[in-house]
Amino acid sequence: MKPSATFVMRFKTAPPCTLFEAPPGLFYHEETLAFKSEYSTGQNCDAYLVDGGEYFHGGAVGTEERNALIVHPIAPQGVKL
């Protein structure tokens, strides 16, 4: 097995917003990289951790608190901030 490599990537982020307001795609919350699915339903935002695919809860208890978390969307390539 080859040893793992460490690399650094730089991203531009869109202005912070709530998880509910965030567009589908990558975002970070505190030190967690996650993504919001476009298949969110009603008041439930489907979001998952990039590292492992577990459901993102961001330390929130309940849907309302989770939707109100402040996240930092990562701008898609070609979007000017």
PDB file of N, CA and C in Angstrom:
ATOM      1  N   MET A   1       0.836  -1.176   0.000  1.00  0.00           N
ATOM      2  CA  MET A   1       0.000   0.000   0.000  1.00  0.00           C
ATOM      3  C   MET A   1       0.884   1.243   0.000  1.00  0.00           C
ATOM      4  N   LYS A   2       0.567   2.184  -0.861  1.00  0.00           N
ATOM      5  CA  LYS A   2       1.327   3.432  -0.926  1.00  0.00           C
ATOM      6  C   LYS A   2       0.942   4.351   0.226  1.00  0.00           C
ATOM      7  N   PRO A   3       1.894   5.122   0.723  1.00  0.00           N
ATOM      8  CA  PRO A   3       1.549   6.086   1.783  1.00  0.00           C
ATOM      9  C   PRO A   3       0.642   7.171   1.216  1.00  0.00           C
ATOM     10  N   SER A   4      -0.209   7.706   2.050  1.00  0.00           N
ATOM     11  CA  SER A   4      -1.098   8.774   1.599  1.00  0.00           C
ATOM     12  C   SER A   4      -0.318  10.077   1.441  1.00  0.00           C
ATOM     13  N   ALA A   5      -0.812  10.926   0.562  1.00  0.00           N
ATOM     14  CA  ALA A   5      -0.176  12.219   0.319  1.00  0.00           C
ATOM     15  C   ALA A   5      -1.049  13.321   0.884  1.00  0.00           C
ATOM     16  N   THR A   6      -0.443  14.407   1.244  1.00  0.00           N
ATOM     17  CA  THR A   6      -1.169  15.572   1.723  1.00  0.00           C
ATOM     18  C   THR A   6      -1.042  16.667   0.679  1.00  0.00           C
ATOM     19  N   PHE A   7      -2.152  17.289   0.349  1.00  0.00           N
ATOM     20  CA  PHE A   7      -2.111  18.406  -0.573  1.00  0.00           C
ATOM     21  C   PHE A   7      -3.088  19.474  -0.121  1.00  0.00           C
ATOM     22  N   VAL A   8      -2.847  20.690  -0.584  1.00  0.00           N
ATOM     23  CA  VAL A   8      -3.670  21.831  -0.196  1.00  0.00           C
ATOM     24  C   VAL A   8      -4.374  22.360  -1.428  1.00  0.00           C
ATOM     25  N   MET A   9      -5.667  22.597  -1.293  1.00  0.00           N
ATOM     26  CA  MET A   9      -6.439  23.188  -2.380  1.00  0.00           C
ATOM     27  C   MET A   9      -7.011  24.503  -1.880  1.00  0.00           C
ATOM     28  N   ARG A  10      -7.108  25.460  -2.753  1.00  0.00           N
ATOM     29  CA  ARG A  10      -7.699  26.749  -2.397  1.00  0.00           C
ATOM     30  C   ARG A  10      -9.021  26.894  -3.130  1.00  0.00           C
ATOM     31  N   PHE A  11     -10.015  27.391  -2.419  1.00  0.00           N
ATOM     32  CA  PHE A  11     -11.335  27.595  -2.983  1.00  0.00           C
ATOM     33  C   PHE A  11     -11.784  29.018  -2.731  1.00  0.00           C
ATOM     34  N   LYS A  12     -12.603  29.532  -3.595  1.00  0.00           N
ATOM     35  CA  LYS A  12     -13.292  30.784  -3.323  1.00  0.00           C
ATOM     36  C   LYS A  12     -14.644  30.415  -2.745  1.00  0.00           C
ATOM     37  N   THR A  13     -15.067  31.182  -1.768  1.00  0.00           N
ATOM     38  CA  THR A  13     -16.365  30.892  -1.161  1.00  0.00           C
ATOM     39  C   THR A  13     -17.336  32.023  -1.440  1.00  0.00           C
ATOM     40  N   ALA A  14     -18.597  31.645  -1.510  1.00  0.00           N
ATOM     41  CA  ALA A  14     -19.670  32.624  -1.626  1.00  0.00           C
ATOM     42  C   ALA A  14     -19.915  33.191  -0.230  1.00  0.00           C
ATOM     43  N   PRO A  15     -20.692  34.258  -0.122  1.00  0.00           N
ATOM     44  CA  PRO A  15     -20.983  34.799   1.212  1.00  0.00           C
ATOM     45  C   PRO A  15     -21.667  33.758   2.107  1.00  0.00           C
ATOM     46  N   PRO A  16     -21.412  33.814   3.404  1.00  0.00           N
ATOM     47  CA  PRO A  16     -22.051  32.860   4.318  1.00  0.00           C
ATOM     48  C   PRO A  16     -23.568  32.987   4.266  1.00  0.00           C
ATOM     49  N   CYS A  17     -24.241  31.868   4.499  1.00  0.00           N
ATOM     50  CA  CYS A  17     -25.703  31.843   4.524  1.00  0.00           C
ATOM     51  C   CYS A  17     -26.133  30.656   5.377  1.00  0.00           C
ATOM     52  N   THR A  18     -27.423  30.512   5.578  1.00  0.00           N
ATOM     53  CA  THR A  18     -27.893  29.345   6.324  1.00  0.00           C
ATOM     54  C   THR A  18     -27.831  28.119   5.426  1.00  0.00           C
ATOM     55  N   LEU A  19     -27.801  26.955   6.041  1.00  0.00           N
ATOM     56  CA  LEU A  19     -27.814  25.719   5.271  1.00  0.00           C
ATOM     57  C   LEU A  19     -29.051  25.671   4.383  1.00  0.00           C
ATOM     58  N   PHE A  20     -30.176  26.126   4.897  1.00  0.00           N
ATOM     59  CA  PHE A  20     -31.415  26.105   4.117  1.00  0.00           C
ATOM     60  C   PHE A  20     -31.310  26.981   2.870  1.00  0.00           C
ATOM     61  N   GLU A  21     -30.649  28.143   2.979  1.00  0.00           N
ATOM     62  CA  GLU A  21     -30.513  29.068   1.849  1.00  0.00           C
ATOM     63  C   GLU A  21     -29.392  28.683   0.885  1.00  0.00           C
ATOM     64  N   ALA A  22     -28.479  27.843   1.327  1.00  0.00           N
ATOM     65  CA  ALA A  22     -27.310  27.490   0.506  1.00  0.00           C
ATOM     66  C   ALA A  22     -27.736  26.759  -0.763  1.00  0.00           C
ATOM     67  N   PRO A  23     -27.039  27.029  -1.873  1.00  0.00           N
ATOM     68  CA  PRO A  23     -27.338  26.295  -3.099  1.00  0.00           C
ATOM     69  C   PRO A  23     -26.818  24.861  -2.986  1.00  0.00           C
ATOM     70  N   PRO A  24     -27.333  23.956  -3.805  1.00  0.00           N
ATOM     71  CA  PRO A  24     -26.779  22.600  -3.810  1.00  0.00           C
ATOM     72  C   PRO A  24     -25.291  22.649  -4.173  1.00  0.00           C
ATOM     73  N   GLY A  25     -24.495  21.790  -3.564  1.00  0.00           N
ATOM     74  CA  GLY A  25     -23.068  21.735  -3.847  1.00  0.00           C
ATOM     75  C   GLY A  25     -22.238  21.741  -2.584  1.00  0.00           C
ATOM     76  N   LEU A  26     -20.946  21.956  -2.752  1.00  0.00           N
ATOM     77  CA  LEU A  26     -20.010  21.938  -1.634  1.00  0.00           C
ATOM     78  C   LEU A  26     -20.162  23.152  -0.726  1.00  0.00           C
ATOM     79  N   PHE A  27     -19.928  22.928   0.558  1.00  0.00           N
ATOM     80  CA  PHE A  27     -19.875  24.027   1.531  1.00  0.00           C
ATOM     81  C   PHE A  27     -19.002  23.570   2.685  1.00  0.00           C
ATOM     82  N   TYR A  28     -18.579  24.540   3.503  1.00  0.00           N
ATOM     83  CA  TYR A  28     -17.917  24.135   4.732  1.00  0.00           C
ATOM     84  C   TYR A  28     -18.593  24.804   5.909  1.00  0.00           C
ATOM     85  N   HIS A  29     -18.532  24.117   7.028  1.00  0.00           N
ATOM     86  CA  HIS A  29     -19.085  24.597   8.294  1.00  0.00           C
ATOM     87  C   HIS A  29     -18.035  24.295   9.349  1.00  0.00           C
ATOM     88  N   GLU A  30     -17.540  25.365   9.979  1.00  0.00           N
ATOM     89  CA  GLU A  30     -16.413  25.242  10.905  1.00  0.00           C
ATOM     90  C   GLU A  30     -15.270  24.571  10.143  1.00  0.00           C
ATOM     91  N   GLU A  31     -14.847  23.380  10.514  1.00  0.00           N
ATOM     92  CA  GLU A  31     -13.751  22.729   9.782  1.00  0.00           C
ATOM     93  C   GLU A  31     -14.229  21.489   9.040  1.00  0.00           C
ATOM     94  N   THR A  32     -15.502  21.457   8.694  1.00  0.00           N
ATOM     95  CA  THR A  32     -16.096  20.307   8.031  1.00  0.00           C
ATOM     96  C   THR A  32     -16.445  20.638   6.591  1.00  0.00           C
ATOM     97  N   LEU A  33     -16.000  19.798   5.672  1.00  0.00           N
ATOM     98  CA  LEU A  33     -16.349  19.940   4.265  1.00  0.00           C
ATOM     99  C   LEU A  33     -17.514  19.001   3.980  1.00  0.00           C
ATOM    100  N   ALA A  34     -18.573  19.543   3.407  1.00  0.00           N
ATOM    101  CA  ALA A  34     -19.788  18.763   3.162  1.00  0.00           C
ATOM    102  C   ALA A  34     -20.412  19.211   1.851  1.00  0.00           C
ATOM    103  N   PHE A  35     -21.491  18.544   1.475  1.00  0.00           N
ATOM    104  CA  PHE A  35     -22.221  18.969   0.281  1.00  0.00           C
ATOM    105  C   PHE A  35     -23.716  18.850   0.519  1.00  0.00           C
ATOM    106  N   LYS A  36     -24.447  19.769  -0.083  1.00  0.00           N
ATOM    107  CA  LYS A  36     -25.902  19.784  -0.005  1.00  0.00           C
ATOM    108  C   LYS A  36     -26.442  19.210  -1.304  1.00  0.00           C
ATOM    109  N   SER A  37     -27.346  18.270  -1.179  1.00  0.00           N
ATOM    110  CA  SER A  37     -27.946  17.629  -2.336  1.00  0.00           C
ATOM    111  C   SER A  37     -29.030  18.521  -2.933  1.00  0.00           C
ATOM    112  N   GLU A  38     -29.224  18.403  -4.229  1.00  0.00           N
ATOM    113  CA  GLU A  38     -30.322  19.136  -4.864  1.00  0.00           C
ATOM    114  C   GLU A  38     -31.658  18.460  -4.596  1.00  0.00           C
ATOM    115  N   TYR A  39     -31.628  17.294  -3.976  1.00  0.00           N
ATOM    116  CA  TYR A  39     -32.852  16.536  -3.725  1.00  0.00           C
ATOM    117  C   TYR A  39     -33.437  16.787  -2.347  1.00  0.00           C
ATOM    118  N   SER A  40     -33.154  17.909  -1.756  1.00  0.00           N
ATOM    119  CA  SER A  40     -33.734  18.264  -0.468  1.00  0.00           C
ATOM    120  C   SER A  40     -35.248  18.394  -0.627  1.00  0.00           C
ATOM    121  N   THR A  41     -35.969  18.029   0.409  1.00  0.00           N
ATOM    122  CA  THR A  41     -37.430  18.064   0.333  1.00  0.00           C
ATOM    123  C   THR A  41     -38.010  18.982   1.399  1.00  0.00           C
ATOM    124  N   GLY A  42     -38.924  19.848   1.003  1.00  0.00           N
ATOM    125  CA  GLY A  42     -39.600  20.733   1.949  1.00  0.00           C
ATOM    126  C   GLY A  42     -38.631  21.476   2.834  1.00  0.00           C
ATOM    127  N   GLN A  43     -38.759  21.285   4.130  1.00  0.00           N
ATOM    128  CA  GLN A  43     -37.890  21.951   5.099  1.00  0.00           C
ATOM    129  C   GLN A  43     -36.683  21.111   5.480  1.00  0.00           C
ATOM    130  N   ASN A  44     -36.486  19.975   4.828  1.00  0.00           N
ATOM    131  CA  ASN A  44     -35.367  19.095   5.159  1.00  0.00           C
ATOM    132  C   ASN A  44     -34.282  19.197   4.103  1.00  0.00           C
ATOM    133  N   CYS A  45     -33.116  19.713   4.476  1.00  0.00           N
ATOM    134  CA  CYS A  45     -31.975  19.833   3.570  1.00  0.00           C
ATOM    135  C   CYS A  45     -31.149  18.561   3.663  1.00  0.00           C
ATOM    136  N   ASP A  46     -31.014  17.855   2.563  1.00  0.00           N
ATOM    137  CA  ASP A  46     -30.152  16.682   2.554  1.00  0.00           C
ATOM    138  C   ASP A  46     -28.715  17.141   2.354  1.00  0.00           C
ATOM    139  N   ALA A  47     -27.868  16.899   3.338  1.00  0.00           N
ATOM    140  CA  ALA A  47     -26.464  17.293   3.271  1.00  0.00           C
ATOM    141  C   ALA A  47     -25.623  16.181   3.885  1.00  0.00           C
ATOM    142  N   TYR A  48     -24.456  15.966   3.298  1.00  0.00           N
ATOM    143  CA  TYR A  48     -23.606  14.843   3.675  1.00  0.00           C
ATOM    144  C   TYR A  48     -22.148  15.271   3.802  1.00  0.00           C
ATOM    145  N   LEU A  49     -21.396  14.570   4.642  1.00  0.00           N
ATOM    146  CA  LEU A  49     -19.975  14.840   4.807  1.00  0.00           C
ATOM    147  C   LEU A  49     -19.217  14.309   3.590  1.00  0.00           C
ATOM    148  N   VAL A  50     -18.264  15.078   3.108  1.00  0.00           N
ATOM    149  CA  VAL A  50     -17.435  14.620   1.999  1.00  0.00           C
ATOM    150  C   VAL A  50     -16.575  13.452   2.466  1.00  0.00           C
ATOM    151  N   ASP A  51     -16.073  13.522   3.671  1.00  0.00           N
ATOM    152  CA  ASP A  51     -15.228  12.472   4.226  1.00  0.00           C
ATOM    153  C   ASP A  51     -16.090  11.359   4.802  1.00  0.00           C
ATOM    154  N   GLY A  52     -16.509  10.426   3.983  1.00  0.00           N
ATOM    155  CA  GLY A  52     -17.233   9.260   4.480  1.00  0.00           C
ATOM    156  C   GLY A  52     -18.691   9.176   4.085  1.00  0.00           C
ATOM    157  N   GLY A  53     -19.320  10.282   3.718  1.00  0.00           N
ATOM    158  CA  GLY A  53     -20.706  10.247   3.266  1.00  0.00           C
ATOM    159  C   GLY A  53     -21.765  10.216   4.354  1.00  0.00           C
ATOM    160  N   GLU A  54     -21.370  10.385   5.601  1.00  0.00           N
ATOM    161  CA  GLU A  54     -22.367  10.400   6.668  1.00  0.00           C
ATOM    162  C   GLU A  54     -23.247  11.640   6.553  1.00  0.00           C
ATOM    163  N   TYR A  55     -24.435  11.562   7.131  1.00  0.00           N
ATOM    164  CA  TYR A  55     -25.363  12.686   7.121  1.00  0.00           C
ATOM    165  C   TYR A  55     -24.765  13.851   7.909  1.00  0.00           C
ATOM    166  N   PHE A  56     -24.807  15.061   7.352  1.00  0.00           N
ATOM    167  CA  PHE A  56     -24.276  16.249   8.023  1.00  0.00           C
ATOM    168  C   PHE A  56     -25.311  16.780   9.009  1.00  0.00           C
ATOM    169  N   HIS A  57     -24.911  16.931  10.253  1.00  0.00           N
ATOM    170  CA  HIS A  57     -25.801  17.545  11.247  1.00  0.00           C
ATOM    171  C   HIS A  57     -25.188  18.788  11.860  1.00  0.00           C
ATOM    172  N   GLY A  58     -23.877  18.987  11.754  1.00  0.00           N
ATOM    173  CA  GLY A  58     -23.220  20.201  12.217  1.00  0.00           C
ATOM    174  C   GLY A  58     -23.383  20.488  13.691  1.00  0.00           C
ATOM    175  N   GLY A  59     -23.658  19.461  14.478  1.00  0.00           N
ATOM    176  CA  GLY A  59     -23.843  19.651  15.913  1.00  0.00           C
ATOM    177  C   GLY A  59     -25.230  20.133  16.297  1.00  0.00           C
ATOM    178  N   ALA A  60     -26.101  20.305  15.311  1.00  0.00           N
ATOM    179  CA  ALA A  60     -27.455  20.798  15.579  1.00  0.00           C
ATOM    180  C   ALA A  60     -28.345  19.670  16.080  1.00  0.00           C
ATOM    181  N   VAL A  61     -29.371  20.059  16.829  1.00  0.00           N
ATOM    182  CA  VAL A  61     -30.368  19.115  17.303  1.00  0.00           C
ATOM    183  C   VAL A  61     -31.685  19.485  16.620  1.00  0.00           C
ATOM    184  N   GLY A  62     -32.115  18.668  15.710  1.00  0.00           N
ATOM    185  CA  GLY A  62     -33.385  18.904  15.033  1.00  0.00           C
ATOM    186  C   GLY A  62     -33.227  19.630  13.701  1.00  0.00           C
ATOM    187  N   THR A  63     -34.231  19.483  12.864  1.00  0.00           N
ATOM    188  CA  THR A  63     -34.216  20.038  11.514  1.00  0.00           C
ATOM    189  C   THR A  63     -34.148  21.556  11.505  1.00  0.00           C
ATOM    190  N   GLU A  64     -34.936  22.216  12.326  1.00  0.00           N
ATOM    191  CA  GLU A  64     -34.968  23.681  12.333  1.00  0.00           C
ATOM    192  C   GLU A  64     -33.606  24.273  12.705  1.00  0.00           C
ATOM    193  N   GLU A  65     -32.993  23.722  13.727  1.00  0.00           N
ATOM    194  CA  GLU A  65     -31.674  24.208  14.160  1.00  0.00           C
ATOM    195  C   GLU A  65     -30.612  23.921  13.085  1.00  0.00           C
ATOM    196  N   ARG A  66     -30.704  22.763  12.460  1.00  0.00           N
ATOM    197  CA  ARG A  66     -29.749  22.397  11.406  1.00  0.00           C
ATOM    198  C   ARG A  66     -29.890  23.310  10.197  1.00  0.00           C
ATOM    199  N   ASN A  67     -31.121  23.601   9.784  1.00  0.00           N
ATOM    200  CA  ASN A  67     -31.350  24.497   8.650  1.00  0.00           C
ATOM    201  C   ASN A  67     -30.816  25.899   8.915  1.00  0.00           C
ATOM    202  N   ALA A  68     -30.725  26.298  10.177  1.00  0.00           N
ATOM    203  CA  ALA A  68     -30.271  27.643  10.543  1.00  0.00           C
ATOM    204  C   ALA A  68     -28.750  27.742  10.689  1.00  0.00           C
ATOM    205  N   LEU A  69     -28.023  26.627  10.589  1.00  0.00           N
ATOM    206  CA  LEU A  69     -26.562  26.673  10.691  1.00  0.00           C
ATOM    207  C   LEU A  69     -25.989  27.580   9.609  1.00  0.00           C
ATOM    208  N   ILE A  70     -24.998  28.367   9.972  1.00  0.00           N
ATOM    209  CA  ILE A  70     -24.320  29.229   8.999  1.00  0.00           C
ATOM    210  C   ILE A  70     -23.234  28.401   8.316  1.00  0.00           C
ATOM    211  N   VAL A  71     -23.315  28.349   6.984  1.00  0.00           N
ATOM    212  CA  VAL A  71     -22.357  27.604   6.181  1.00  0.00           C
ATOM    213  C   VAL A  71     -21.715  28.543   5.164  1.00  0.00           C
ATOM    214  N   HIS A  72     -20.624  28.093   4.569  1.00  0.00           N
ATOM    215  CA  HIS A  72     -19.898  28.872   3.574  1.00  0.00           C
ATOM    216  C   HIS A  72     -19.881  28.083   2.270  1.00  0.00           C
ATOM    217  N   PRO A  73     -20.800  28.400   1.340  1.00  0.00           N
ATOM    218  CA  PRO A  73     -20.808  27.671   0.068  1.00  0.00           C
ATOM    219  C   PRO A  73     -19.498  27.886  -0.691  1.00  0.00           C
ATOM    220  N   ILE A  74     -19.058  26.858  -1.365  1.00  0.00           N
ATOM    221  CA  ILE A  74     -17.873  26.944  -2.205  1.00  0.00           C
ATOM    222  C   ILE A  74     -18.356  27.231  -3.610  1.00  0.00           C
ATOM    223  N   ALA A  75     -17.897  28.344  -4.156  1.00  0.00           N
ATOM    224  CA  ALA A  75     -18.364  28.799  -5.463  1.00  0.00           C
ATOM    225  C   ALA A  75     -17.954  27.829  -6.560  1.00  0.00           C
ATOM    226  N   PRO A  76     -18.886  27.494  -7.437  1.00  0.00           N
ATOM    227  CA  PRO A  76     -18.531  26.640  -8.578  1.00  0.00           C
ATOM    228  C   PRO A  76     -17.508  27.341  -9.476  1.00  0.00           C
ATOM    229  N   GLN A  77     -16.762  26.556 -10.215  1.00  0.00           N
ATOM    230  CA  GLN A  77     -15.769  27.100 -11.134  1.00  0.00           C
ATOM    231  C   GLN A  77     -16.445  28.068 -12.104  1.00  0.00           C
ATOM    232  N   GLY A  78     -15.832  29.209 -12.298  1.00  0.00           N
ATOM    233  CA  GLY A  78     -16.353  30.196 -13.236  1.00  0.00           C
ATOM    234  C   GLY A  78     -17.273  31.239 -12.615  1.00  0.00           C
ATOM    235  N   VAL A  79     -17.645  31.066 -11.334  1.00  0.00           N
ATOM    236  CA  VAL A  79     -18.509  32.036 -10.675  1.00  0.00           C
ATOM    237  C   VAL A  79     -17.650  33.117 -10.061  1.00  0.00           C
ATOM    238  N   LYS A  80     -17.961  34.368 -10.350  1.00  0.00           N
ATOM    239  CA  LYS A  80     -17.202  35.486  -9.786  1.00  0.00           C
ATOM    240  C   LYS A  80     -17.827  35.894  -8.472  1.00  0.00           C
ATOM    241  N   LEU A  81     -16.970  36.044  -7.464  1.00  0.00           N
ATOM    242  CA  LEU A  81     -17.453  36.466  -6.141  1.00  0.00           C
ATOM    243  C   LEU A  81     -17.252  37.948  -5.957  1.00  0.00           C
TER     244      LEU A  81
END
